[in-house]
Amino acid sequence: MPSGGTDLASLHGSPTLSRLRRLAAMTRARERCFQMKAHEVMRPAAPRRRRFVRRSALWLLLALATLCRAASAGSVASRASDSCVLCEPHVSIPIVPLSAAWLDSLAQTHARFNALQIARIDSLLRTGAFGPRGHARAKRKAHLLARIVTTNAYRDLAQLSSSTTAVYEADEESLRDLFANYSDAGLFSAARLERVRFGLGRVCMRYAVDEIAEGEVSHGGKRLRWRVVDEEIGGSERRLLNLGLPTGTDDVVQVFLAPHHTFAVDYVRIDGPPAPYEWFIVHDIQGGWLRKFGTHEPKAYMFWVSATQLQRPRLELASQSASTLALAQIPLEDPSSQLASDSSRTRIDSWDSAVDPHGLRAAPRPPAILSPAAATDGTLELPDHPLVGVRIYIPDLRLRMPVLPDINFDDLREIELPMPILEVDYIKQKRQPSWLRTDELGFRSWKGNGAVPPAVRRRFPDR
């Protein structure tokens, strides 16, 4: 034993050990008595605790119900779309159908361009342009540059909707192969789509929801389940198209679309701060709702990306919007030479020749698909302030509590970046470099970079 310690064996049979044993027994008896008295004292309080818990749970349920009712009654009440410029009985400009062949040619142009840019970035990574080869930081830079220079569906959406001399139209049949064979080739669903029109600054969709039905469609290599349902939204029951949209953060978000779903599209180039970027804006959304922890009516969603000198594929419209970038590019052959005629509607695209019967003007055709004169034109380098992001705008998004302070959420909610337009087989067969890893939704970590630019905050303020 250490010095200064007591040998317990030497106490055996001594009066001291007996006193210690009696003291321990008394202590245990007092503890049992105290526990019994404490139990008797606390027993009446147990029902009070249970009542408090039940009442607290009830208050919380009421708060959640208040949030859902506020979202449904306040932000969900959709405006009637009685004055859609693309739904007028007699549209004043030609309606030009986009064939499946033309749409495939457009997507193929983007897919080749994107695959080439990814290969160029991989080559730069291997030569040490982003840092030591194989270093994690270098791979992150390459990944970020790929998110900036590849193209997605926002660019075509902005260009088609900017047309002022023709309205472009497609339907479920012409879009079926496009959405099945290419990743994220469109920002809307082709399920039950009677027709979609682009032009005059807007996009307009008509969905067939006359009968209750359900099914699946292929969208970017993923199976998208749809149902036609009767749903109470905005205080009234509506017949809507319901889509189960898989996401990387929320598993599945329920999307509800009215028979008439429409929105406006803007394109703006901003010089900064913090740096030059392109901004694609979908706003004035009508006939669309989201359901996740309540029902919400988005007012806008948007995509921005750093402006670079890289030449990208684009469309040559009969009248280019002043905001469309004019780059030195050459036209590809237009695969769509036959345009369907429809005598039941006001169309000029049914003319048989390049000139109308009165010799007044040439018949419109789908826009020419332009590709860079050299797909390697433009320097590939990461901007000093790399910007890329996507947000959805849902104003007044907050959880109202009856006693506690309200919980406010940012009205600009971050969502996943759209995938670049690529052939589905390119991703399934893993043709991309190893630093672009994939999952069931596409490329991993395909997300935004940088803070929300000030101009975005000013136009879509947090309420």
Foldseek 3Di string as FASTA:
>chain_A
DDPPDDDVVVCVPPPVVVVVVVVVVVVVVVVVVVVVVVCVVCVVCVVVVVVVVVVVVVLVVVLLVVLQCCQQQPFFDFDDPPPPQVPDQANPAFEFEDALVQLVVQLVLLQVLLQVLLVVLVVCLCVQVQHPRPDPRSLVQSLLLSLFPRDAQLQALAFQQAADRYKYKYALVSCQVVQQWKARNDPDDRVQWGMWIHYPQKIKTAGDQPDWDWDWGHGRNDIKIKTFDFDDGNNRTATWIWIFDAAPPQGTKIKTFHRMWMWGWDWDWDCDVVHTKIKIKTAPTGGMWIDDSHIHDFGIKIKMWHDFPQDAKHWDHPDGDPRDDDDPWDFDDRPDPDTDDDPVGDHQQPAPALAHPVRPGGHDHGTTITGHPDSPPGDRDADPATWIFMWIATAPNWRPRPPDHIGFDFRTHGGADGDRIHTSCCQVVVVGDPSQDADPNGTPPRHTDDDDGPVVCVVRPHD
